[in-house]
């Protein structure tokens, strides 16, 4: 493996590890959503990195990343709307309060 690719992969691995750690340890839904976005951004960064080093003349990885960013933005808007509705019903965004929404 080319040593210069490691300079690009290390930030991606750090972002992914922080996202997984945050998603597992946080109880707040907003913090979990931010952690999920970190995981998705690290995957997008990997698409661009591997496209750059494996197929230098191609733009496939970058175009795929733009679509992934658009989908992540739509997903975030829907998730925030759901979290706001949960906050209105329960009064907090703690994940343990979601079971109060049952019948």
PDB file of N, CA and C in Angstrom:
ATOM      1  N   UNK A   1       0.848  -1.178   0.000  1.00  0.00           N
ATOM      2  CA  UNK A   1       0.000   0.000   0.000  1.00  0.00           C
ATOM      3  C   UNK A   1       0.889   1.235   0.000  1.00  0.00           C
ATOM      4  N   UNK A   2       0.488   2.216  -0.762  1.00  0.00           N
ATOM      5  CA  UNK A   2       1.230   3.462  -0.829  1.00  0.00           C
ATOM      6  C   UNK A   2       1.159   4.172   0.520  1.00  0.00           C
ATOM      7  N   UNK A   3       2.289   4.671   0.971  1.00  0.00           N
ATOM      8  CA  UNK A   3       2.337   5.311   2.289  1.00  0.00           C
ATOM      9  C   UNK A   3       1.581   6.630   2.307  1.00  0.00           C
ATOM     10  N   UNK A   4       1.472   7.291   1.160  1.00  0.00           N
ATOM     11  CA  UNK A   4       0.778   8.575   1.138  1.00  0.00           C
ATOM     12  C   UNK A   4      -0.731   8.420   1.337  1.00  0.00           C
ATOM     13  N   UNK A   5      -1.268   7.245   1.032  1.00  0.00           N
ATOM     14  CA  UNK A   5      -2.709   7.035   1.243  1.00  0.00           C
ATOM     15  C   UNK A   5      -3.036   6.982   2.736  1.00  0.00           C
ATOM     16  N   UNK A   6      -2.070   6.590   3.550  1.00  0.00           N
ATOM     17  CA  UNK A   6      -2.306   6.527   4.994  1.00  0.00           C
ATOM     18  C   UNK A   6      -2.566   7.904   5.584  1.00  0.00           C
ATOM     19  N   UNK A   7      -1.937   8.941   5.010  1.00  0.00           N
ATOM     20  CA  UNK A   7      -2.178  10.302   5.500  1.00  0.00           C
ATOM     21  C   UNK A   7      -3.624  10.718   5.304  1.00  0.00           C
ATOM     22  N   UNK A   8      -4.290  10.119   4.347  1.00  0.00           N
ATOM     23  CA  UNK A   8      -5.700  10.418   4.107  1.00  0.00           C
ATOM     24  C   UNK A   8      -6.630   9.472   4.858  1.00  0.00           C
ATOM     25  N   UNK A   9      -6.209   8.249   5.063  1.00  0.00           N
ATOM     26  CA  UNK A   9      -7.071   7.270   5.731  1.00  0.00           C
ATOM     27  C   UNK A   9      -7.118   7.452   7.243  1.00  0.00           C
ATOM     28  N   UNK A  10      -6.051   7.965   7.830  1.00  0.00           N
ATOM     29  CA  UNK A  10      -6.015   8.133   9.300  1.00  0.00           C
ATOM     30  C   UNK A  10      -7.129   9.070   9.781  1.00  0.00           C
ATOM     31  N   UNK A  11      -7.333  10.258   9.179  1.00  0.00           N
ATOM     32  CA  UNK A  11      -8.470  11.081   9.641  1.00  0.00           C
ATOM     33  C   UNK A  11      -9.821  10.398   9.462  1.00  0.00           C
ATOM     34  N   UNK A  12      -9.961   9.615   8.403  1.00  0.00           N
ATOM     35  CA  UNK A  12     -11.209   8.900   8.178  1.00  0.00           C
ATOM     36  C   UNK A  12     -11.448   7.857   9.266  1.00  0.00           C
ATOM     37  N   UNK A  13     -10.402   7.145   9.639  1.00  0.00           N
ATOM     38  CA  UNK A  13     -10.534   6.143  10.710  1.00  0.00           C
ATOM     39  C   UNK A  13     -10.838   6.815  12.045  1.00  0.00           C
ATOM     40  N   UNK A  14     -10.203   7.951  12.305  1.00  0.00           N
ATOM     41  CA  UNK A  14     -10.464   8.677  13.556  1.00  0.00           C
ATOM     42  C   UNK A  14     -11.905   9.175  13.592  1.00  0.00           C
ATOM     43  N   UNK A  15     -12.399   9.708  12.465  1.00  0.00           N
ATOM     44  CA  UNK A  15     -13.788  10.153  12.407  1.00  0.00           C
ATOM     45  C   UNK A  15     -14.753   8.991  12.625  1.00  0.00           C
ATOM     46  N   UNK A  16     -14.459   7.855  12.007  1.00  0.00           N
ATOM     47  CA  UNK A  16     -15.329   6.688  12.158  1.00  0.00           C
ATOM     48  C   UNK A  16     -15.334   6.199  13.603  1.00  0.00           C
ATOM     49  N   UNK A  17     -14.154   6.138  14.225  1.00  0.00           N
ATOM     50  CA  UNK A  17     -14.070   5.668  15.610  1.00  0.00           C
ATOM     51  C   UNK A  17     -14.792   6.624  16.557  1.00  0.00           C
ATOM     52  N   UNK A  18     -14.641   7.926  16.342  1.00  0.00           N
ATOM     53  CA  UNK A  18     -15.361   8.893  17.184  1.00  0.00           C
ATOM     54  C   UNK A  18     -16.866   8.780  16.992  1.00  0.00           C
ATOM     55  N   UNK A  19     -17.296   8.543  15.760  1.00  0.00           N
ATOM     56  CA  UNK A  19     -18.722   8.387  15.491  1.00  0.00           C
ATOM     57  C   UNK A  19     -19.305   7.154  16.150  1.00  0.00           C
ATOM     58  N   UNK A  20     -18.605   6.032  16.061  1.00  0.00           N
ATOM     59  CA  UNK A  20     -19.090   4.804  16.698  1.00  0.00           C
ATOM     60  C   UNK A  20     -19.104   4.957  18.211  1.00  0.00           C
ATOM     61  N   UNK A  21     -18.053   5.534  18.767  1.00  0.00           N
ATOM     62  CA  UNK A  21     -17.993   5.739  20.214  1.00  0.00           C
ATOM     63  C   UNK A  21     -19.120   6.656  20.683  1.00  0.00           C
ATOM     64  N   UNK A  22     -19.345   7.742  19.950  1.00  0.00           N
ATOM     65  CA  UNK A  22     -20.415   8.666  20.317  1.00  0.00           C
ATOM     66  C   UNK A  22     -21.787   8.045  20.189  1.00  0.00           C
ATOM     67  N   UNK A  23     -21.990   7.242  19.164  1.00  0.00           N
ATOM     68  CA  UNK A  23     -23.296   6.613  18.971  1.00  0.00           C
ATOM     69  C   UNK A  23     -23.590   5.606  20.067  1.00  0.00           C
ATOM     70  N   UNK A  24     -22.580   4.892  20.506  1.00  0.00           N
ATOM     71  CA  UNK A  24     -22.779   3.866  21.540  1.00  0.00           C
ATOM     72  C   UNK A  24     -22.944   4.483  22.920  1.00  0.00           C
ATOM     73  N   UNK A  25     -22.199   5.543  23.219  1.00  0.00           N
ATOM     74  CA  UNK A  25     -22.170   6.066  24.587  1.00  0.00           C
ATOM     75  C   UNK A  25     -23.193   7.157  24.875  1.00  0.00           C
ATOM     76  N   UNK A  26     -23.693   7.834  23.890  1.00  0.00           N
ATOM     77  CA  UNK A  26     -24.602   8.960  24.126  1.00  0.00           C
ATOM     78  C   UNK A  26     -26.030   8.492  24.331  1.00  0.00           C
ATOM     79  N   UNK A  27     -26.755   9.226  25.154  1.00  0.00           N
ATOM     80  CA  UNK A  27     -28.172   8.939  25.395  1.00  0.00           C
ATOM     81  C   UNK A  27     -29.077   9.956  24.707  1.00  0.00           C
ATOM     82  N   UNK A  28     -28.516  11.098  24.304  1.00  0.00           N
ATOM     83  CA  UNK A  28     -29.283  12.148  23.661  1.00  0.00           C
ATOM     84  C   UNK A  28     -29.417  11.842  22.173  1.00  0.00           C
ATOM     85  N   UNK A  29     -30.616  11.992  21.638  1.00  0.00           N
ATOM     86  CA  UNK A  29     -30.843  11.655  20.236  1.00  0.00           C
ATOM     87  C   UNK A  29     -30.096  12.587  19.286  1.00  0.00           C
ATOM     88  N   UNK A  30     -29.959  13.844  19.632  1.00  0.00           N
ATOM     89  CA  UNK A  30     -29.229  14.787  18.779  1.00  0.00           C
ATOM     90  C   UNK A  30     -27.757  14.402  18.720  1.00  0.00           C
ATOM     91  N   UNK A  31     -27.163  14.037  19.855  1.00  0.00           N
ATOM     92  CA  UNK A  31     -25.762  13.611  19.869  1.00  0.00           C
ATOM     93  C   UNK A  31     -25.577  12.312  19.088  1.00  0.00           C
ATOM     94  N   UNK A  32     -26.558  11.423  19.165  1.00  0.00           N
ATOM     95  CA  UNK A  32     -26.483  10.189  18.380  1.00  0.00           C
ATOM     96  C   UNK A  32     -26.574  10.481  16.881  1.00  0.00           C
ATOM     97  N   UNK A  33     -27.392  11.451  16.501  1.00  0.00           N
ATOM     98  CA  UNK A  33     -27.502  11.836  15.102  1.00  0.00           C
ATOM     99  C   UNK A  33     -26.197  12.448  14.596  1.00  0.00           C
ATOM    100  N   UNK A  34     -25.562  13.276  15.410  1.00  0.00           N
ATOM    101  CA  UNK A  34     -24.275  13.861  15.033  1.00  0.00           C
ATOM    102  C   UNK A  34     -23.228  12.767  14.876  1.00  0.00           C
ATOM    103  N   UNK A  35     -23.243  11.793  15.767  1.00  0.00           N
ATOM    104  CA  UNK A  35     -22.296  10.673  15.660  1.00  0.00           C
ATOM    105  C   UNK A  35     -22.543   9.862  14.394  1.00  0.00           C
ATOM    106  N   UNK A  36     -23.790   9.669  14.049  1.00  0.00           N
ATOM    107  CA  UNK A  36     -24.119   8.958  12.818  1.00  0.00           C
ATOM    108  C   UNK A  36     -23.635   9.729  11.597  1.00  0.00           C
ATOM    109  N   UNK A  37     -23.731  11.043  11.638  1.00  0.00           N
ATOM    110  CA  UNK A  37     -23.225  11.865  10.535  1.00  0.00           C
ATOM    111  C   UNK A  37     -21.706  11.753  10.429  1.00  0.00           C
ATOM    112  N   UNK A  38     -21.013  11.650  11.553  1.00  0.00           N
ATOM    113  CA  UNK A  38     -19.561  11.438  11.509  1.00  0.00           C
ATOM    114  C   UNK A  38     -19.219  10.127  10.810  1.00  0.00           C
ATOM    115  N   UNK A  39     -19.973   9.100  11.106  1.00  0.00           N
ATOM    116  CA  UNK A  39     -19.737   7.800  10.464  1.00  0.00           C
ATOM    117  C   UNK A  39     -19.974   7.898   8.957  1.00  0.00           C
ATOM    118  N   UNK A  40     -21.057   8.549   8.553  1.00  0.00           N
ATOM    119  CA  UNK A  40     -21.348   8.691   7.123  1.00  0.00           C
ATOM    120  C   UNK A  40     -20.303   9.552   6.416  1.00  0.00           C
ATOM    121  N   UNK A  41     -19.827  10.602   7.079  1.00  0.00           N
ATOM    122  CA  UNK A  41     -18.807  11.451   6.464  1.00  0.00           C
ATOM    123  C   UNK A  41     -17.479  10.715   6.315  1.00  0.00           C
ATOM    124  N   UNK A  42     -17.158   9.856   7.257  1.00  0.00           N
ATOM    125  CA  UNK A  42     -15.914   9.086   7.114  1.00  0.00           C
ATOM    126  C   UNK A  42     -16.031   8.098   5.951  1.00  0.00           C
ATOM    127  N   UNK A  43     -17.215   7.535   5.750  1.00  0.00           N
ATOM    128  CA  UNK A  43     -17.409   6.644   4.597  1.00  0.00           C
ATOM    129  C   UNK A  43     -17.299   7.428   3.293  1.00  0.00           C
ATOM    130  N   UNK A  44     -17.862   8.634   3.248  1.00  0.00           N
ATOM    131  CA  UNK A  44     -17.737   9.477   2.055  1.00  0.00           C
ATOM    132  C   UNK A  44     -16.285   9.839   1.776  1.00  0.00           C
ATOM    133  N   UNK A  45     -15.545  10.131   2.817  1.00  0.00           N
ATOM    134  CA  UNK A  45     -14.126  10.437   2.662  1.00  0.00           C
ATOM    135  C   UNK A  45     -13.365   9.239   2.100  1.00  0.00           C
ATOM    136  N   UNK A  46     -13.735   8.045   2.530  1.00  0.00           N
ATOM    137  CA  UNK A  46     -13.101   6.832   1.989  1.00  0.00           C
ATOM    138  C   UNK A  46     -13.410   6.650   0.505  1.00  0.00           C
ATOM    139  N   UNK A  47     -14.647   6.963   0.079  1.00  0.00           N
ATOM    140  CA  UNK A  47     -14.976   6.876  -1.348  1.00  0.00           C
ATOM    141  C   UNK A  47     -14.054   7.772  -2.169  1.00  0.00           C
ATOM    142  N   UNK A  48     -13.862   8.996  -1.706  1.00  0.00           N
ATOM    143  CA  UNK A  48     -13.024   9.944  -2.447  1.00  0.00           C
ATOM    144  C   UNK A  48     -11.566   9.499  -2.434  1.00  0.00           C
ATOM    145  N   UNK A  49     -11.079   9.033  -1.284  1.00  0.00           N
ATOM    146  CA  UNK A  49      -9.678   8.615  -1.163  1.00  0.00           C
ATOM    147  C   UNK A  49      -9.383   7.445  -2.091  1.00  0.00           C
ATOM    148  N   UNK A  50     -10.199   6.416  -2.041  1.00  0.00           N
ATOM    149  CA  UNK A  50      -9.926   5.244  -2.860  1.00  0.00           C
ATOM    150  C   UNK A  50     -10.137   5.523  -4.347  1.00  0.00           C
ATOM    151  N   UNK A  51     -11.078   6.402  -4.673  1.00  0.00           N
ATOM    152  CA  UNK A  51     -11.238   6.791  -6.067  1.00  0.00           C
ATOM    153  C   UNK A  51      -9.991   7.535  -6.556  1.00  0.00           C
ATOM    154  N   UNK A  52      -9.464   8.389  -5.725  1.00  0.00           N
ATOM    155  CA  UNK A  52      -8.280   9.176  -6.103  1.00  0.00           C
ATOM    156  C   UNK A  52      -7.062   8.295  -6.327  1.00  0.00           C
ATOM    157  N   UNK A  53      -6.878   7.286  -5.491  1.00  0.00           N
ATOM    158  CA  UNK A  53      -5.677   6.469  -5.586  1.00  0.00           C
ATOM    159  C   UNK A  53      -5.819   5.264  -6.507  1.00  0.00           C
ATOM    160  N   UNK A  54      -7.013   4.724  -6.669  1.00  0.00           N
ATOM    161  CA  UNK A  54      -7.192   3.558  -7.530  1.00  0.00           C
ATOM    162  C   UNK A  54      -7.501   3.933  -8.973  1.00  0.00           C
ATOM    163  N   UNK A  55      -8.304   4.972  -9.157  1.00  0.00           N
ATOM    164  CA  UNK A  55      -8.693   5.421 -10.498  1.00  0.00           C
ATOM    165  C   UNK A  55      -8.474   6.928 -10.587  1.00  0.00           C
ATOM    166  N   UNK A  56      -7.242   7.388 -10.778  1.00  0.00           N
ATOM    167  CA  UNK A  56      -6.939   8.823 -10.702  1.00  0.00           C
ATOM    168  C   UNK A  56      -7.697   9.696 -11.709  1.00  0.00           C
ATOM    169  N   UNK A  57      -8.009   9.187 -12.885  1.00  0.00           N
ATOM    170  CA  UNK A  57      -8.689  10.007 -13.878  1.00  0.00           C
ATOM    171  C   UNK A  57     -10.192  10.004 -13.761  1.00  0.00           C
ATOM    172  N   UNK A  58     -10.746   9.141 -12.957  1.00  0.00           N
ATOM    173  CA  UNK A  58     -12.191   8.971 -12.866  1.00  0.00           C
ATOM    174  C   UNK A  58     -12.779   9.839 -11.756  1.00  0.00           C
ATOM    175  N   UNK A  59     -14.029  10.206 -11.929  1.00  0.00           N
ATOM    176  CA  UNK A  59     -14.729  11.021 -10.929  1.00  0.00           C
ATOM    177  C   UNK A  59     -15.860  10.239 -10.270  1.00  0.00           C
ATOM    178  N   UNK A  60     -15.884   8.919 -10.422  1.00  0.00           N
ATOM    179  CA  UNK A  60     -16.994   8.110  -9.912  1.00  0.00           C
ATOM    180  C   UNK A  60     -17.149   8.230  -8.404  1.00  0.00           C
ATOM    181  N   UNK A  61     -16.052   8.132  -7.667  1.00  0.00           N
ATOM    182  CA  UNK A  61     -16.118   8.205  -6.208  1.00  0.00           C
ATOM    183  C   UNK A  61     -16.611   9.545  -5.719  1.00  0.00           C
ATOM    184  N   UNK A  62     -16.207  10.607  -6.403  1.00  0.00           N
ATOM    185  CA  UNK A  62     -16.629  11.945  -5.987  1.00  0.00           C
ATOM    186  C   UNK A  62     -18.100  12.195  -6.299  1.00  0.00           C
ATOM    187  N   UNK A  63     -18.563  11.697  -7.422  1.00  0.00           N
ATOM    188  CA  UNK A  63     -19.981  11.845  -7.766  1.00  0.00           C
ATOM    189  C   UNK A  63     -20.837  11.020  -6.804  1.00  0.00           C
ATOM    190  N   UNK A  64     -20.384   9.815  -6.491  1.00  0.00           N
ATOM    191  CA  UNK A  64     -21.102   8.982  -5.526  1.00  0.00           C
ATOM    192  C   UNK A  64     -21.137   9.669  -4.165  1.00  0.00           C
ATOM    193  N   UNK A  65     -20.052  10.330  -3.791  1.00  0.00           N
ATOM    194  CA  UNK A  65     -20.000  11.042  -2.519  1.00  0.00           C
ATOM    195  C   UNK A  65     -20.983  12.206  -2.503  1.00  0.00           C
ATOM    196  N   UNK A  66     -21.117  12.920  -3.607  1.00  0.00           N
ATOM    197  CA  UNK A  66     -22.090  14.015  -3.660  1.00  0.00           C
ATOM    198  C   UNK A  66     -23.517  13.500  -3.470  1.00  0.00           C
ATOM    199  N   UNK A  67     -23.839  12.360  -4.086  1.00  0.00           N
ATOM    200  CA  UNK A  67     -25.153  11.765  -3.869  1.00  0.00           C
ATOM    201  C   UNK A  67     -25.325  11.318  -2.420  1.00  0.00           C
ATOM    202  N   UNK A  68     -24.275  10.768  -1.833  1.00  0.00           N
ATOM    203  CA  UNK A  68     -24.355  10.321  -0.439  1.00  0.00           C
ATOM    204  C   UNK A  68     -24.535  11.507   0.505  1.00  0.00           C
ATOM    205  N   UNK A  69     -23.890  12.619   0.219  1.00  0.00           N
ATOM    206  CA  UNK A  69     -24.064  13.816   1.046  1.00  0.00           C
ATOM    207  C   UNK A  69     -25.492  14.338   0.933  1.00  0.00           C
ATOM    208  N   UNK A  70     -26.052  14.325  -0.263  1.00  0.00           N
ATOM    209  CA  UNK A  70     -27.434  14.776  -0.447  1.00  0.00           C
ATOM    210  C   UNK A  70     -28.410  13.878   0.301  1.00  0.00           C
ATOM    211  N   UNK A  71     -28.191  12.581   0.237  1.00  0.00           N
ATOM    212  CA  UNK A  71     -29.055  11.652   0.956  1.00  0.00           C
ATOM    213  C   UNK A  71     -28.900  11.836   2.463  1.00  0.00           C
ATOM    214  N   UNK A  72     -27.681  12.054   2.931  1.00  0.00           N
ATOM    215  CA  UNK A  72     -27.449  12.274   4.363  1.00  0.00           C
ATOM    216  C   UNK A  72     -28.118  13.558   4.841  1.00  0.00           C
ATOM    217  N   UNK A  73     -28.133  14.594   4.007  1.00  0.00           N
ATOM    218  CA  UNK A  73     -28.807  15.838   4.377  1.00  0.00           C
ATOM    219  C   UNK A  73     -30.314  15.628   4.496  1.00  0.00           C
ATOM    220  N   UNK A  74     -30.891  14.884   3.564  1.00  0.00           N
ATOM    221  CA  UNK A  74     -32.323  14.589   3.643  1.00  0.00           C
ATOM    222  C   UNK A  74     -32.635  13.728   4.860  1.00  0.00           C
ATOM    223  N   UNK A  75     -31.777  12.757   5.121  1.00  0.00           N
ATOM    224  CA  UNK A  75     -31.962  11.895   6.291  1.00  0.00           C
ATOM    225  C   UNK A  75     -31.890  12.704   7.586  1.00  0.00           C
ATOM    226  N   UNK A  76     -30.962  13.648   7.641  1.00  0.00           N
ATOM    227  CA  UNK A  76     -30.817  14.477   8.838  1.00  0.00           C
ATOM    228  C   UNK A  76     -32.046  15.356   9.042  1.00  0.00           C
ATOM    229  N   UNK A  77     -32.588  15.917   7.974  1.00  0.00           N
ATOM    230  CA  UNK A  77     -33.785  16.747   8.099  1.00  0.00           C
ATOM    231  C   UNK A  77     -34.963  15.936   8.621  1.00  0.00           C
ATOM    232  N   UNK A  78     -35.126  14.720   8.117  1.00  0.00           N
ATOM    233  CA  UNK A  78     -36.216  13.863   8.590  1.00  0.00           C
ATOM    234  C   UNK A  78     -35.983  13.444  10.043  1.00  0.00           C
ATOM    235  N   UNK A  79     -34.738  13.109  10.386  1.00  0.00           N
ATOM    236  CA  UNK A  79     -34.437  12.693  11.761  1.00  0.00           C
ATOM    237  C   UNK A  79     -34.670  13.833  12.746  1.00  0.00           C
ATOM    238  N   UNK A  80     -34.295  15.050  12.372  1.00  0.00           N
ATOM    239  CA  UNK A  80     -34.521  16.184  13.270  1.00  0.00           C
ATOM    240  C   UNK A  80     -36.012  16.444  13.443  1.00  0.00           C
ATOM    241  N   UNK A  81     -36.799  16.281  12.380  1.00  0.00           N
ATOM    242  CA  UNK A  81     -38.249  16.433  12.505  1.00  0.00           C
ATOM    243  C   UNK A  81     -38.835  15.385  13.447  1.00  0.00           C
ATOM    244  N   UNK A  82     -38.355  14.158  13.347  1.00  0.00           N
ATOM    245  CA  UNK A  82     -38.818  13.100  14.259  1.00  0.00           C
ATOM    246  C   UNK A  82     -38.413  13.416  15.690  1.00  0.00           C
ATOM    247  N   UNK A  83     -37.190  13.874  15.883  1.00  0.00           N
ATOM    248  CA  UNK A  83     -36.710  14.205  17.235  1.00  0.00           C
ATOM    249  C   UNK A  83     -37.510  15.364  17.818  1.00  0.00           C
ATOM    250  N   UNK A  84     -37.861  16.353  17.005  1.00  0.00           N
ATOM    251  CA  UNK A  84     -38.681  17.468  17.504  1.00  0.00           C
ATOM    252  C   UNK A  84     -40.058  16.973  17.925  1.00  0.00           C
ATOM    253  N   UNK A  85     -40.655  16.077  17.163  1.00  0.00           N
ATOM    254  CA  UNK A  85     -41.962  15.515  17.552  1.00  0.00           C
ATOM    255  C   UNK A  85     -41.860  14.690  18.825  1.00  0.00           C
ATOM    256  N   UNK A  86     -40.784  13.947  18.979  1.00  0.00           N
ATOM    257  CA  UNK A  86     -40.575  13.191  20.224  1.00  0.00           C
ATOM    258  C   UNK A  86     -40.396  14.148  21.397  1.00  0.00           C
ATOM    259  N   UNK A  87     -39.676  15.243  21.177  1.00  0.00           N
ATOM    260  CA  UNK A  87     -39.485  16.225  22.246  1.00  0.00           C
ATOM    261  C   UNK A  87     -40.816  16.853  22.659  1.00  0.00           C
ATOM    262  N   UNK A  88     -41.669  17.110  21.694  1.00  0.00           N
ATOM    263  CA  UNK A  88     -42.978  17.685  22.031  1.00  0.00           C
ATOM    264  C   UNK A  88     -43.840  16.702  22.816  1.00  0.00           C
ATOM    265  N   UNK A  89     -43.726  15.419  22.506  1.00  0.00           N
ATOM    266  CA  UNK A  89     -44.555  14.419  23.176  1.00  0.00           C
ATOM    267  C   UNK A  89     -44.013  14.039  24.546  1.00  0.00           C
ATOM    268  N   UNK A  90     -42.692  13.922  24.674  1.00  0.00           N
ATOM    269  CA  UNK A  90     -42.094  13.408  25.900  1.00  0.00           C
ATOM    270  C   UNK A  90     -41.539  14.525  26.778  1.00  0.00           C
ATOM    271  N   UNK A  91     -40.956  15.552  26.164  1.00  0.00           N
ATOM    272  CA  UNK A  91     -40.399  16.649  26.938  1.00  0.00           C
ATOM    273  C   UNK A  91     -38.879  16.644  27.010  1.00  0.00           C
ATOM    274  N   UNK A  92     -38.236  15.629  26.480  1.00  0.00           N
ATOM    275  CA  UNK A  92     -36.776  15.598  26.391  1.00  0.00           C
ATOM    276  C   UNK A  92     -36.368  14.743  25.194  1.00  0.00           C
ATOM    277  N   UNK A  93     -35.086  14.770  24.881  1.00  0.00           N
ATOM    278  CA  UNK A  93     -34.597  13.988  23.748  1.00  0.00           C
ATOM    279  C   UNK A  93     -33.738  12.831  24.212  1.00  0.00           C
ATOM    280  N   UNK A  94     -33.965  12.398  25.434  1.00  0.00           N
ATOM    281  CA  UNK A  94     -33.229  11.253  25.966  1.00  0.00           C
ATOM    282  C   UNK A  94     -33.805   9.972  25.361  1.00  0.00           C
ATOM    283  N   UNK A  95     -32.926   9.075  25.002  1.00  0.00           N
ATOM    284  CA  UNK A  95     -33.353   7.846  24.319  1.00  0.00           C
ATOM    285  C   UNK A  95     -34.187   6.954  25.244  1.00  0.00           C
ATOM    286  N   UNK A  96     -34.002   7.072  26.557  1.00  0.00           N
ATOM    287  CA  UNK A  96     -34.766   6.238  27.482  1.00  0.00           C
ATOM    288  C   UNK A  96     -36.218   6.709  27.617  1.00  0.00           C
ATOM    289  N   UNK A  97     -36.507   7.942  27.194  1.00  0.00           N
ATOM    290  CA  UNK A  97     -37.863   8.443  27.268  1.00  0.00           C
ATOM    291  C   UNK A  97     -38.740   8.052  26.104  1.00  0.00           C
ATOM    292  N   UNK A  98     -38.162   7.407  25.118  1.00  0.00           N
ATOM    293  CA  UNK A  98     -38.928   7.034  23.931  1.00  0.00           C
ATOM    294  C   UNK A  98     -39.949   5.938  24.247  1.00  0.00           C
ATOM    295  N   UNK A  99     -39.690   5.102  25.227  1.00  0.00           N
ATOM    296  CA  UNK A  99     -40.647   4.039  25.546  1.00  0.00           C
ATOM    297  C   UNK A  99     -41.951   4.594  26.106  1.00  0.00           C
ATOM    298  N   UNK A 100     -42.014   5.882  26.459  1.00  0.00           N
ATOM    299  CA  UNK A 100     -43.256   6.503  26.903  1.00  0.00           C
ATOM    300  C   UNK A 100     -44.223   6.703  25.750  1.00  0.00           C
ATOM    301  N   UNK A 101     -43.760   6.561  24.520  1.00  0.00           N
ATOM    302  CA  UNK A 101     -44.612   6.754  23.363  1.00  0.00           C
ATOM    303  C   UNK A 101     -45.468   5.553  23.052  1.00  0.00           C
ATOM    304  N   UNK A 102     -45.239   4.443  23.775  1.00  0.00           N
ATOM    305  CA  UNK A 102     -46.057   3.244  23.545  1.00  0.00           C
ATOM    306  C   UNK A 102     -47.473   3.494  24.015  1.00  0.00           C
ATOM    307  N   UNK A 103     -48.409   2.689  23.522  1.00  0.00           N
ATOM    308  CA  UNK A 103     -49.810   2.853  23.897  1.00  0.00           C
ATOM    309  C   UNK A 103     -50.042   2.501  25.323  1.00  0.00           C
TER     310      UNK A 103
END
